[in-house]
Amino acid sequence: MYSRDRQRRRALVVFQLFVYGAMLAMFLIQLYMLIVRPW
């Protein structure tokens, strides 16, 4: 039971890191596109 709870918490942390990484990647892609070809 304890190990399962720890595993669930670990999965939640990994999921949060994945979401933050995706948001950061989209932000960097938009910034890169703005720098490469300014409007």
C-alpha atoms as a PDB file:
ATOM      1  CA  MET A   1       0.000   0.000   0.000  1.00  0.00           C
ATOM      2  CA  TYR A   2       2.759   2.428   0.927  1.00  0.00           C
ATOM      3  CA  SER A   3       4.808   1.592  -2.154  1.00  0.00           C
ATOM      4  CA  ARG A   4       1.736   2.026  -4.358  1.00  0.00           C
ATOM      5  CA  ASP A   5       1.088   5.488  -2.881  1.00  0.00           C
ATOM      6  CA  ARG A   6       4.718   6.437  -3.443  1.00  0.00           C
ATOM      7  CA  GLN A   7       4.479   5.197  -7.028  1.00  0.00           C
ATOM      8  CA  ARG A   8       1.336   7.264  -7.623  1.00  0.00           C
ATOM      9  CA  ARG A   9       2.996  10.394  -6.219  1.00  0.00           C
ATOM     10  CA  ARG A  10       6.027   9.743  -8.410  1.00  0.00           C
ATOM     11  CA  ALA A  11       3.796   9.392 -11.485  1.00  0.00           C
ATOM     12  CA  LEU A  12       2.085  12.673 -10.596  1.00  0.00           C
ATOM     13  CA  VAL A  13       5.453  14.458 -10.362  1.00  0.00           C
ATOM     14  CA  VAL A  14       6.538  12.995 -13.709  1.00  0.00           C
ATOM     15  CA  PHE A  15       3.241  14.088 -15.282  1.00  0.00           C
ATOM     16  CA  GLN A  16       3.652  17.635 -13.918  1.00  0.00           C
ATOM     17  CA  LEU A  17       7.210  17.804 -15.254  1.00  0.00           C
ATOM     18  CA  PHE A  18       5.957  16.628 -18.655  1.00  0.00           C
ATOM     19  CA  VAL A  19       3.221  19.295 -18.729  1.00  0.00           C
ATOM     20  CA  TYR A  20       5.635  22.057 -17.702  1.00  0.00           C
ATOM     21  CA  GLY A  21       8.136  20.842 -20.298  1.00  0.00           C
ATOM     22  CA  ALA A  22       5.490  20.936 -23.032  1.00  0.00           C
ATOM     23  CA  MET A  23       4.431  24.474 -22.067  1.00  0.00           C
ATOM     24  CA  LEU A  24       8.060  25.613 -21.999  1.00  0.00           C
ATOM     25  CA  ALA A  25       8.676  24.008 -25.399  1.00  0.00           C
ATOM     26  CA  MET A  26       5.680  25.798 -26.951  1.00  0.00           C
ATOM     27  CA  PHE A  27       6.846  29.107 -25.450  1.00  0.00           C
ATOM     28  CA  LEU A  28      10.384  28.598 -26.788  1.00  0.00           C
ATOM     29  CA  ILE A  29       9.043  27.673 -30.242  1.00  0.00           C
ATOM     30  CA  GLN A  30       6.944  30.851 -30.381  1.00  0.00           C
ATOM     31  CA  LEU A  31       9.913  32.932 -29.214  1.00  0.00           C
ATOM     32  CA  TYR A  32      12.146  31.250 -31.812  1.00  0.00           C
ATOM     33  CA  MET A  33       9.656  31.935 -34.600  1.00  0.00           C
ATOM     34  CA  LEU A  34       9.371  35.581 -33.511  1.00  0.00           C
ATOM     35  CA  ILE A  35      13.155  35.965 -33.542  1.00  0.00           C
ATOM     36  CA  VAL A  36      13.729  34.135 -36.836  1.00  0.00           C
ATOM     37  CA  ARG A  37      11.088  35.960 -38.859  1.00  0.00           C
ATOM     38  CA  PRO A  38       9.836  39.124 -37.163  1.00  0.00           C
ATOM     39  CA  TRP A  39       6.492  40.473 -38.301  1.00  0.00           C
END
